[in-house]
Amino acid sequence: MRKPIPSFLAGGVFCLAATLVSFAQTAKPAAAGASKSQVAHGEYLVKSIAGCPDCHTPMNEKGEPEPGQG
C-alpha cells in the first residue's frame, strides 16, 4: 500500500504551482513597454559602460567577434 503524501509537501507544491501560474499571467517581455530612448540608453550602458560584450561575445581565433553570435 502506498503512503499518502504529507500535507505540508502537497501544500508546498500547490503554492509553488499557484505562484508560477500567477507570475506567468502577469509577466511581460522587458522591452515590450520600453521607448526607443530607453532601449538606446540600455544598449549604451551594456556596450560602453559595463562592457558586457568584452567577456560575453564569442570571438574567433583572431579575437574578432563572430558574426551572428552576439
N, C-alpha and C. Protein backbone atom coordinates (compact mmCIF):
# COMPACT_ATOMS: atom_id res chain seq x y z
N MET A 1 0.82 -1.17 0.00
CA MET A 1 0.00 0.00 0.00
C MET A 1 0.89 1.26 0.00
N ARG A 2 0.50 2.24 -0.81
CA ARG A 2 1.29 3.48 -0.90
C ARG A 2 0.99 4.38 0.28
N LYS A 3 2.01 5.07 0.73
CA LYS A 3 1.84 6.03 1.82
C LYS A 3 1.29 7.33 1.25
N PRO A 4 0.41 8.01 1.97
CA PRO A 4 -0.10 9.29 1.48
C PRO A 4 0.99 10.36 1.52
N ILE A 5 0.86 11.34 0.66
CA ILE A 5 1.81 12.46 0.62
C ILE A 5 1.55 13.34 1.85
N PRO A 6 2.60 13.70 2.59
CA PRO A 6 2.40 14.57 3.75
C PRO A 6 1.73 15.88 3.33
N SER A 7 0.83 16.38 4.13
CA SER A 7 0.05 17.57 3.77
C SER A 7 0.93 18.80 3.55
N PHE A 8 2.02 18.94 4.32
CA PHE A 8 2.88 20.11 4.13
C PHE A 8 3.57 20.07 2.77
N LEU A 9 3.89 18.88 2.28
CA LEU A 9 4.52 18.75 0.97
C LEU A 9 3.52 19.04 -0.13
N ALA A 10 2.33 18.50 -0.01
CA ALA A 10 1.29 18.75 -1.01
C ALA A 10 0.94 20.23 -1.04
N GLY A 11 0.85 20.85 0.14
CA GLY A 11 0.54 22.28 0.20
C GLY A 11 1.64 23.12 -0.41
N GLY A 12 2.90 22.74 -0.19
CA GLY A 12 4.02 23.48 -0.77
C GLY A 12 4.03 23.40 -2.28
N VAL A 13 3.74 22.22 -2.80
CA VAL A 13 3.68 22.04 -4.26
C VAL A 13 2.55 22.87 -4.84
N PHE A 14 1.41 22.88 -4.17
CA PHE A 14 0.28 23.67 -4.63
C PHE A 14 0.62 25.16 -4.65
N CYS A 15 1.25 25.67 -3.59
CA CYS A 15 1.62 27.08 -3.52
C CYS A 15 2.62 27.46 -4.61
N LEU A 16 3.58 26.58 -4.85
CA LEU A 16 4.56 26.84 -5.91
C LEU A 16 3.88 26.90 -7.26
N ALA A 17 2.99 25.96 -7.54
CA ALA A 17 2.28 25.95 -8.82
C ALA A 17 1.43 27.20 -8.98
N ALA A 18 0.73 27.60 -7.92
CA ALA A 18 -0.10 28.81 -7.98
C ALA A 18 0.74 30.05 -8.23
N THR A 19 1.90 30.13 -7.60
CA THR A 19 2.79 31.27 -7.80
C THR A 19 3.30 31.33 -9.23
N LEU A 20 3.69 30.20 -9.77
CA LEU A 20 4.19 30.16 -11.15
C LEU A 20 3.11 30.56 -12.14
N VAL A 21 1.89 30.09 -11.94
CA VAL A 21 0.79 30.45 -12.83
C VAL A 21 0.52 31.95 -12.74
N SER A 22 0.51 32.49 -11.53
CA SER A 22 0.26 33.91 -11.34
C SER A 22 1.35 34.74 -12.00
N PHE A 23 2.61 34.34 -11.83
CA PHE A 23 3.72 35.07 -12.44
C PHE A 23 3.63 35.02 -13.97
N ALA A 24 3.30 33.86 -14.52
CA ALA A 24 3.22 33.71 -15.97
C ALA A 24 2.14 34.59 -16.56
N GLN A 25 1.07 34.82 -15.81
CA GLN A 25 -0.02 35.64 -16.31
C GLN A 25 0.31 37.12 -16.27
N THR A 26 1.18 37.56 -15.37
CA THR A 26 1.48 38.98 -15.23
C THR A 26 2.80 39.40 -15.85
N ALA A 27 3.67 38.45 -16.18
CA ALA A 27 4.99 38.79 -16.72
C ALA A 27 4.88 39.31 -18.14
N LYS A 28 5.67 40.32 -18.47
CA LYS A 28 5.73 40.88 -19.81
C LYS A 28 7.18 40.85 -20.27
N PRO A 29 7.41 40.78 -21.58
CA PRO A 29 8.79 40.92 -22.05
C PRO A 29 9.33 42.27 -21.61
N ALA A 30 10.58 42.32 -21.28
CA ALA A 30 11.20 43.53 -20.72
C ALA A 30 11.08 44.73 -21.65
N ALA A 31 11.26 44.55 -22.93
CA ALA A 31 11.27 45.68 -23.86
C ALA A 31 9.89 45.99 -24.43
N ALA A 32 8.84 45.29 -23.99
CA ALA A 32 7.51 45.50 -24.57
C ALA A 32 7.03 46.93 -24.39
N GLY A 33 7.28 47.54 -23.23
CA GLY A 33 6.82 48.89 -22.99
C GLY A 33 7.93 49.93 -23.05
N ALA A 34 9.12 49.52 -23.45
CA ALA A 34 10.26 50.43 -23.45
C ALA A 34 10.22 51.33 -24.68
N SER A 35 10.55 52.60 -24.48
CA SER A 35 10.62 53.53 -25.61
C SER A 35 11.96 53.34 -26.33
N LYS A 36 12.06 53.94 -27.48
CA LYS A 36 13.32 53.83 -28.25
C LYS A 36 14.48 54.45 -27.47
N SER A 37 14.21 55.53 -26.75
CA SER A 37 15.30 56.16 -25.99
C SER A 37 15.74 55.27 -24.83
N GLN A 38 14.80 54.54 -24.20
CA GLN A 38 15.17 53.62 -23.12
C GLN A 38 16.01 52.47 -23.64
N VAL A 39 15.62 51.94 -24.80
CA VAL A 39 16.39 50.85 -25.41
C VAL A 39 17.78 51.34 -25.79
N ALA A 40 17.87 52.54 -26.35
CA ALA A 40 19.17 53.10 -26.73
C ALA A 40 20.04 53.32 -25.49
N HIS A 41 19.44 53.80 -24.40
CA HIS A 41 20.20 54.01 -23.17
C HIS A 41 20.70 52.68 -22.61
N GLY A 42 19.85 51.65 -22.64
CA GLY A 42 20.26 50.33 -22.18
C GLY A 42 21.40 49.77 -23.01
N GLU A 43 21.32 49.96 -24.33
CA GLU A 43 22.40 49.49 -25.21
C GLU A 43 23.70 50.23 -24.89
N TYR A 44 23.60 51.53 -24.64
CA TYR A 44 24.78 52.33 -24.26
C TYR A 44 25.40 51.80 -22.97
N LEU A 45 24.56 51.52 -21.97
CA LEU A 45 25.08 51.03 -20.69
C LEU A 45 25.77 49.68 -20.85
N VAL A 46 25.15 48.78 -21.61
CA VAL A 46 25.71 47.43 -21.78
C VAL A 46 27.01 47.46 -22.57
N LYS A 47 27.02 48.21 -23.67
CA LYS A 47 28.18 48.18 -24.56
C LYS A 47 29.31 49.12 -24.12
N SER A 48 28.97 50.30 -23.61
CA SER A 48 30.00 51.30 -23.30
C SER A 48 30.45 51.29 -21.84
N ILE A 49 29.50 51.34 -20.94
CA ILE A 49 29.82 51.48 -19.52
C ILE A 49 30.21 50.14 -18.90
N ALA A 50 29.32 49.16 -19.00
CA ALA A 50 29.58 47.86 -18.36
C ALA A 50 30.54 46.99 -19.15
N GLY A 51 30.58 47.17 -20.45
CA GLY A 51 31.49 46.38 -21.28
C GLY A 51 31.12 44.90 -21.36
N CYS A 52 29.84 44.59 -21.26
CA CYS A 52 29.38 43.19 -21.27
C CYS A 52 29.90 42.39 -22.48
N PRO A 53 29.89 42.97 -23.69
CA PRO A 53 30.36 42.18 -24.84
C PRO A 53 31.84 41.79 -24.76
N ASP A 54 32.61 42.50 -23.93
CA ASP A 54 34.03 42.17 -23.82
C ASP A 54 34.24 40.73 -23.37
N CYS A 55 33.40 40.26 -22.49
CA CYS A 55 33.53 38.88 -21.98
C CYS A 55 32.43 37.95 -22.48
N HIS A 56 31.31 38.50 -22.92
CA HIS A 56 30.16 37.69 -23.26
C HIS A 56 29.85 37.66 -24.75
N THR A 57 30.86 37.80 -25.59
CA THR A 57 30.70 37.71 -27.04
C THR A 57 31.67 36.67 -27.57
N PRO A 58 31.17 35.67 -28.30
CA PRO A 58 32.09 34.67 -28.88
C PRO A 58 33.06 35.33 -29.86
N MET A 59 34.32 34.97 -29.77
CA MET A 59 35.37 35.52 -30.64
C MET A 59 36.00 34.41 -31.47
N ASN A 60 36.53 34.80 -32.65
CA ASN A 60 37.25 33.83 -33.46
C ASN A 60 38.72 33.80 -33.03
N GLU A 61 39.52 33.06 -33.75
CA GLU A 61 40.94 32.92 -33.36
C GLU A 61 41.74 34.21 -33.49
N LYS A 62 41.22 35.20 -34.23
CA LYS A 62 41.88 36.49 -34.38
C LYS A 62 41.43 37.50 -33.32
N GLY A 63 40.49 37.09 -32.47
CA GLY A 63 39.98 37.98 -31.45
C GLY A 63 38.88 38.90 -31.94
N GLU A 64 38.30 38.59 -33.10
CA GLU A 64 37.22 39.37 -33.66
C GLU A 64 35.89 38.73 -33.29
N PRO A 65 34.83 39.54 -33.08
CA PRO A 65 33.53 38.96 -32.76
C PRO A 65 33.03 38.06 -33.90
N GLU A 66 32.45 36.93 -33.52
CA GLU A 66 31.87 36.01 -34.51
C GLU A 66 30.58 36.61 -35.03
N PRO A 67 30.44 36.71 -36.36
CA PRO A 67 29.20 37.27 -36.92
C PRO A 67 27.99 36.39 -36.55
N GLY A 68 26.91 37.06 -36.12
CA GLY A 68 25.68 36.34 -35.79
C GLY A 68 25.72 35.59 -34.48
N GLN A 69 26.76 35.74 -33.66
CA GLN A 69 26.87 35.01 -32.41
C GLN A 69 26.72 35.89 -31.18
N GLY A 70 26.54 37.17 -31.35
CA GLY A 70 26.50 38.02 -30.17
C GLY A 70 25.42 38.92 -30.11
